[in-house]
Amino acid sequence: MAPAPTIAPAPGEAASSANDLPDEEESSQKLNGRKLSSQKSTLGNTLGKAQRKPARKSITVSKTSADGDPHFVVEFPLGKLTHSGVTVNGKLIGAPAPPGSHKQQRTYFSTITIVVDQLKRAYIEVTPKKVILDGRDRLVLPCHSTVSVDSGELSVAIVGKSNVTVTIGGNISFVILVHQYKNPAPYQRDHLGFYIANSKGLSRNCHGLLGQFLHEEVGLAELPADISAHGDIKASPVLKVKDRSVPVVRKTRRIYSGTQSVDCWFAKNNAAKLIDGQYEDYLTSHMFDTGDWPHGSNKV
């Protein structure tokens, strides 16, 4: 597997530009990973004491992500997973499809919540406009500012108008891209993209649309297909996941604000058979839902 590429954000909040995504297609809802650990807070209890630090020059992330309309991309395999206790949920908003699209509507993530279950529950809520950090302290941070804050086991680093990095206990990191449009077309919406930067603290039992694949053995096979009109036999690729064979099509997708392209095996029909259950099973009752679901408990 090639090393993960890097995102190069704008050098400072004044010069930071929006992450404008190119047009893309396909959709769904519950991203999940989990972890438990502790980390001392290095800051005071008010926003006025939040540390401002220079923006990082680059951020290295995995291809495992949910971004755009949204495409769920999973990179196999990732490293050993060890702990549990984190839930990631996303809220979808709708938008008209662009001219010529085969879809009638597009969907985007307008809000992402990261809930940490420990002795005291903590969470982070991210929108394209602001970040709410509710850990040892409760802070509201604007996305146009560049700021770094530690609070309990949660740490947040914002690069203004570009991205938000959330670190949990030092061995889990998520990067949330902030996509904003200066002059949006009717089918464009300000939205978020979710990427896994460090998965070492995620449990082998993590689930959700992304989490269920983080430590899963996946194989690729080719099955004979129908004979074409010219007498050729075309192979049909399938992914072997658990005890399931899933027909797939090779495609190229753009990620990281359209700056990177990855070759993917695309599963049709809302990833039927690729994911456990049906995509409707991943819909949550609210943004802070960490409870049981039809294919197991979120409390691993």
Protein backbone atom coordinates (compact mmCIF):
# COMPACT_ATOMS: atom_id res chain seq x y z
CA MET A 1 0.00 0.00 0.00
CA ALA A 2 1.43 3.37 -0.94
CA PRO A 3 2.04 5.81 1.93
CA ALA A 4 -0.81 8.16 2.73
CA PRO A 5 -0.55 11.54 0.99
CA THR A 6 -0.73 14.83 2.84
CA ILE A 7 -3.10 17.78 2.92
CA ALA A 8 -1.36 21.12 2.56
CA PRO A 9 -3.59 23.71 4.28
CA ALA A 10 -3.26 27.43 3.84
CA PRO A 11 -0.40 28.87 5.91
CA GLY A 12 -2.51 31.10 8.16
CA GLU A 13 -6.05 32.09 9.01
CA ALA A 14 -5.97 35.34 7.04
CA ALA A 15 -4.71 33.66 3.88
CA SER A 16 -6.65 30.38 4.33
CA SER A 17 -8.91 29.46 1.46
CA ALA A 18 -12.04 27.34 1.42
CA ASN A 19 -11.86 23.66 0.49
CA ASP A 20 -13.92 23.73 -2.71
CA LEU A 21 -14.82 20.21 -3.82
CA PRO A 22 -15.29 19.27 -7.46
CA ASP A 23 -18.59 17.67 -8.43
CA GLU A 24 -18.97 14.05 -7.31
CA GLU A 25 -21.72 11.39 -6.80
CA GLU A 26 -23.17 8.62 -4.35
CA SER A 27 -24.38 8.62 -0.44
CA SER A 28 -25.33 7.37 3.35
CA GLN A 29 -24.89 8.04 7.31
CA LYS A 30 -23.23 6.47 10.43
CA LEU A 31 -19.39 6.54 10.57
CA ASN A 32 -18.14 4.75 13.66
CA GLY A 33 -14.88 4.12 15.49
CA ARG A 34 -14.20 3.75 19.23
CA LYS A 35 -11.54 4.27 21.99
CA LEU A 36 -10.85 4.83 25.69
CA SER A 37 -7.84 6.53 27.32
CA SER A 38 -6.81 9.52 29.41
CA GLN A 39 -4.85 12.70 28.78
CA LYS A 40 -4.13 15.67 31.05
CA SER A 41 -5.52 19.05 30.08
CA THR A 42 -2.88 21.70 29.47
CA LEU A 43 -5.27 24.64 29.31
CA GLY A 44 -7.54 26.69 31.52
CA ASN A 45 -11.32 26.62 31.63
CA THR A 46 -12.26 29.51 29.32
CA LEU A 47 -11.95 30.36 25.67
CA GLY A 48 -9.80 33.32 26.64
CA LYS A 49 -7.11 30.89 27.81
CA ALA A 50 -7.17 28.73 24.67
CA GLN A 51 -3.71 28.35 23.18
CA ARG A 52 -3.11 29.79 19.73
CA LYS A 53 -0.39 27.98 17.82
CA PRO A 54 1.01 28.27 14.28
CA ALA A 55 -0.86 26.18 11.73
CA ARG A 56 0.77 22.88 10.82
CA LYS A 57 2.33 22.84 7.37
CA SER A 58 0.73 19.52 6.42
CA ILE A 59 -1.51 16.78 7.80
CA THR A 60 -1.01 13.11 6.99
CA VAL A 61 -4.24 11.13 6.84
CA SER A 62 -5.53 7.74 5.76
CA LYS A 63 -7.71 7.33 2.69
CA THR A 64 -10.41 5.89 4.98
CA SER A 65 -12.94 8.69 4.87
CA ALA A 66 -16.42 10.02 4.12
CA ASP A 67 -16.49 13.16 2.01
CA GLY A 68 -18.39 14.89 -0.77
CA ASP A 69 -21.84 13.53 -1.65
CA PRO A 70 -20.64 11.56 0.52
CA HIS A 71 -18.33 8.84 -0.77
CA PHE A 72 -17.22 6.33 1.84
CA VAL A 73 -13.66 5.22 1.09
CA VAL A 74 -11.98 2.41 3.05
CA GLU A 75 -8.28 1.55 2.82
CA PHE A 76 -7.34 -2.08 3.70
CA PRO A 77 -5.75 -2.96 6.01
CA LEU A 78 -4.94 -0.49 8.79
CA GLY A 79 -2.68 -1.06 11.78
CA LYS A 80 -3.41 -3.00 14.96
CA LEU A 81 -6.37 -1.62 16.94
CA THR A 82 -6.32 -1.67 20.72
CA HIS A 83 -8.91 0.29 22.73
CA SER A 84 -12.56 1.40 22.47
CA GLY A 85 -15.08 4.10 23.44
CA VAL A 86 -15.49 6.64 20.59
CA THR A 87 -18.55 7.14 18.37
CA VAL A 88 -18.62 9.34 15.25
CA ASN A 89 -21.97 10.38 13.75
CA GLY A 90 -22.76 12.62 10.78
CA LYS A 91 -25.84 14.67 9.90
CA LEU A 92 -26.88 14.83 6.25
CA ILE A 93 -28.36 17.77 4.35
CA GLY A 94 -29.83 17.63 0.85
CA ALA A 95 -29.10 19.61 -2.29
CA PRO A 96 -30.33 19.44 -5.89
CA ALA A 97 -28.23 17.37 -8.26
CA PRO A 98 -26.13 19.26 -10.83
CA PRO A 99 -27.31 19.39 -14.45
CA GLY A 100 -26.86 16.11 -16.29
CA SER A 101 -26.59 14.00 -13.12
CA HIS A 102 -28.34 10.63 -12.93
CA LYS A 103 -29.31 11.45 -9.35
CA GLN A 104 -32.25 13.62 -8.35
CA GLN A 105 -30.64 14.80 -5.10
CA ARG A 106 -27.23 14.98 -3.47
CA THR A 107 -26.42 14.76 0.25
CA TYR A 108 -23.58 16.22 2.32
CA PHE A 109 -22.43 16.17 5.92
CA SER A 110 -23.45 19.42 7.60
CA THR A 111 -22.48 18.34 11.14
CA ILE A 112 -20.13 15.72 12.58
CA THR A 113 -20.12 14.73 16.25
CA ILE A 114 -17.41 12.75 18.04
CA VAL A 115 -18.54 11.33 21.39
CA VAL A 116 -16.04 9.91 23.89
CA ASP A 117 -17.49 7.57 26.55
CA GLN A 118 -15.40 7.57 29.70
CA LEU A 119 -16.22 8.17 33.37
CA LYS A 120 -17.45 11.54 32.17
CA ARG A 121 -18.82 11.77 28.63
CA ALA A 122 -17.17 14.34 26.38
CA TYR A 123 -17.93 15.35 22.81
CA ILE A 124 -16.97 17.56 19.89
CA GLU A 125 -19.52 18.94 17.44
CA VAL A 126 -18.22 20.37 14.16
CA THR A 127 -20.08 22.41 11.53
CA PRO A 128 -18.62 24.50 8.67
CA LYS A 129 -18.98 27.57 10.93
CA LYS A 130 -17.97 26.47 14.43
CA VAL A 131 -16.56 23.77 16.70
CA ILE A 132 -18.17 23.03 20.08
CA LEU A 133 -15.81 21.30 22.50
CA ASP A 134 -17.47 19.87 25.61
CA GLY A 135 -14.82 18.07 27.66
CA ARG A 136 -13.40 19.27 30.92
CA ASP A 137 -14.41 22.70 29.62
CA ARG A 138 -17.10 23.85 27.19
CA LEU A 139 -15.75 26.04 24.40
CA VAL A 140 -17.20 27.37 21.16
CA LEU A 141 -14.50 27.97 18.53
CA PRO A 142 -15.09 29.64 15.13
CA CYS A 143 -13.87 27.70 12.09
CA HIS A 144 -12.39 30.84 10.54
CA SER A 145 -9.80 31.11 13.35
CA THR A 146 -6.54 29.18 13.74
CA VAL A 147 -6.38 27.85 17.29
CA SER A 148 -5.29 24.78 19.27
CA VAL A 149 -7.07 23.67 22.46
CA ASP A 150 -6.59 20.77 24.91
CA SER A 151 -9.45 19.84 27.26
CA GLY A 152 -9.33 16.57 29.17
CA GLU A 153 -8.72 13.67 26.80
CA LEU A 154 -9.84 15.74 23.81
CA SER A 155 -7.60 18.03 21.77
CA VAL A 156 -8.73 20.24 18.88
CA ALA A 157 -6.53 22.05 16.36
CA ILE A 158 -8.27 24.34 13.85
CA VAL A 159 -6.64 25.71 10.70
CA GLY A 160 -8.91 28.59 9.80
CA LYS A 161 -11.35 27.89 6.93
CA SER A 162 -9.48 24.69 6.12
CA ASN A 163 -9.62 21.76 8.58
CA VAL A 164 -10.16 20.60 12.16
CA THR A 165 -7.97 17.92 13.73
CA VAL A 166 -9.43 16.06 16.72
CA THR A 167 -7.05 13.99 18.85
CA ILE A 168 -8.22 11.59 21.56
CA GLY A 169 -5.77 10.26 24.13
CA GLY A 170 -2.81 10.59 21.79
CA ASN A 171 -3.54 7.46 19.72
CA ILE A 172 -6.67 8.42 17.78
CA SER A 173 -6.85 11.37 15.39
CA PHE A 174 -9.56 12.47 12.96
CA VAL A 175 -9.28 15.24 10.38
CA ILE A 176 -12.45 17.07 9.37
CA LEU A 177 -12.16 19.14 6.21
CA VAL A 178 -14.24 22.32 6.06
CA HIS A 179 -15.66 22.80 2.56
CA GLN A 180 -17.00 26.29 1.94
CA TYR A 181 -18.11 27.98 -1.27
CA LYS A 182 -17.72 31.71 -1.84
CA ASN A 183 -20.31 31.75 -4.63
CA PRO A 184 -22.14 28.42 -4.39
CA ALA A 185 -24.08 27.01 -7.31
CA PRO A 186 -27.66 25.87 -6.53
CA TYR A 187 -26.44 22.29 -6.03
CA GLN A 188 -23.52 23.20 -3.74
CA ARG A 189 -23.66 23.36 0.07
CA ASP A 190 -21.05 24.18 2.69
CA HIS A 191 -20.20 20.80 4.17
CA LEU A 192 -17.65 18.63 5.96
CA GLY A 193 -15.39 15.72 5.06
CA PHE A 194 -14.24 13.11 7.60
CA TYR A 195 -10.81 11.40 7.48
CA ILE A 196 -8.99 9.06 9.85
CA ALA A 197 -5.45 10.28 10.59
CA ASN A 198 -4.49 7.84 13.37
CA SER A 199 -6.46 4.64 14.10
CA LYS A 200 -4.04 2.95 16.54
CA GLY A 201 -6.44 3.44 19.47
CA LEU A 202 -9.53 2.12 17.72
CA SER A 203 -10.96 -1.22 18.81
CA ARG A 204 -10.98 -4.37 16.68
CA ASN A 205 -14.72 -4.40 17.44
CA CYS A 206 -15.44 -0.93 16.10
CA HIS A 207 -18.36 -0.76 13.70
CA GLY A 208 -20.37 1.70 11.63
CA LEU A 209 -20.06 2.46 7.92
CA LEU A 210 -16.30 2.97 8.19
CA GLY A 211 -15.37 1.27 11.46
CA GLN A 212 -16.53 -2.22 10.47
CA PHE A 213 -13.77 -2.41 7.83
CA LEU A 214 -10.80 -1.09 9.80
CA HIS A 215 -9.55 -4.56 10.78
CA GLU A 216 -11.38 -6.71 8.26
CA GLU A 217 -9.69 -9.12 5.84
CA VAL A 218 -10.93 -8.33 2.33
CA GLY A 219 -10.04 -10.24 -0.82
CA LEU A 220 -10.56 -9.63 -4.54
CA ALA A 221 -11.62 -12.35 -6.96
CA GLU A 222 -12.77 -12.52 -10.55
CA LEU A 223 -15.76 -14.59 -11.61
CA PRO A 224 -16.61 -15.53 -15.22
CA ALA A 225 -19.41 -13.38 -16.62
CA ASP A 226 -21.72 -13.82 -19.60
CA ILE A 227 -20.21 -14.35 -23.04
CA SER A 228 -20.29 -11.11 -25.04
CA ALA A 229 -21.70 -10.75 -28.57
CA HIS A 230 -18.16 -11.23 -29.90
CA GLY A 231 -17.72 -14.49 -28.00
CA ASP A 232 -15.40 -13.00 -25.34
CA ILE A 233 -15.75 -14.05 -21.73
CA LYS A 234 -15.42 -11.04 -19.48
CA ALA A 235 -14.38 -11.48 -15.85
CA SER A 236 -16.59 -9.92 -13.19
CA PRO A 237 -14.65 -8.64 -10.13
CA VAL A 238 -16.03 -9.33 -6.64
CA LEU A 239 -14.86 -8.37 -3.18
CA LYS A 240 -14.80 -11.20 -0.63
CA VAL A 241 -15.91 -9.74 2.72
CA LYS A 242 -16.59 -12.14 5.61
CA ASP A 243 -18.75 -14.82 3.96
CA ARG A 244 -20.11 -12.49 1.29
CA SER A 245 -19.20 -11.96 -2.37
CA VAL A 246 -19.90 -8.41 -3.52
CA PRO A 247 -19.88 -7.41 -7.22
CA VAL A 248 -17.80 -4.26 -7.71
CA VAL A 249 -16.76 -1.86 -10.47
CA ARG A 250 -13.38 -0.19 -10.68
CA LYS A 251 -13.55 3.60 -10.53
CA THR A 252 -11.39 6.58 -9.67
CA ARG A 253 -12.49 8.96 -6.91
CA ARG A 254 -11.17 12.37 -5.89
CA ILE A 255 -10.53 12.95 -2.19
CA TYR A 256 -8.81 15.57 0.00
CA SER A 257 -10.69 18.49 -1.59
CA GLY A 258 -10.12 17.01 -5.05
CA THR A 259 -6.32 17.19 -4.75
CA GLN A 260 -5.83 13.40 -4.70
CA SER A 261 -7.25 10.60 -6.84
CA VAL A 262 -7.58 7.01 -5.65
CA ASP A 263 -8.52 3.86 -7.57
CA CYS A 264 -11.48 2.22 -5.85
CA TRP A 265 -13.69 -0.83 -6.11
CA PHE A 266 -17.18 0.66 -6.12
CA ALA A 267 -20.10 -1.31 -4.65
CA LYS A 268 -23.49 -0.38 -6.12
CA ASN A 269 -26.93 -0.28 -4.49
CA ASN A 270 -25.87 1.56 -1.33
CA ALA A 271 -23.06 -0.96 -0.72
CA ALA A 272 -25.54 -3.85 -0.45
CA LYS A 273 -23.82 -7.00 0.94
CA LEU A 274 -20.57 -5.08 1.44
CA ILE A 275 -21.77 -3.53 4.72
CA ASP A 276 -23.39 -5.46 7.54
CA GLY A 277 -27.17 -5.14 7.27
CA GLN A 278 -28.81 -2.40 5.19
CA TYR A 279 -27.76 1.23 4.95
CA GLU A 280 -30.96 2.22 6.83
CA ASP A 281 -29.55 0.40 9.88
CA TYR A 282 -26.92 3.12 10.22
CA LEU A 283 -29.38 5.96 10.65
CA THR A 284 -29.29 7.35 14.19
CA SER A 285 -32.05 8.75 16.38
CA HIS A 286 -29.91 11.78 17.24
CA MET A 287 -26.37 13.09 16.78
CA PHE A 288 -25.16 11.78 20.15
CA ASP A 289 -26.53 8.25 19.74
CA THR A 290 -24.03 5.63 20.97
CA GLY A 291 -26.54 2.86 21.71
CA ASP A 292 -27.27 -0.59 20.35
CA TRP A 293 -28.21 -1.19 16.74
CA PRO A 294 -29.46 -4.24 14.77
CA HIS A 295 -25.98 -5.71 14.21
CA GLY A 296 -24.46 -5.21 17.66
CA SER A 297 -23.75 -2.72 20.39
CA ASN A 298 -21.87 0.53 19.95
CA LYS A 299 -20.49 0.03 23.45
CA VAL A 300 -17.51 -2.19 22.69
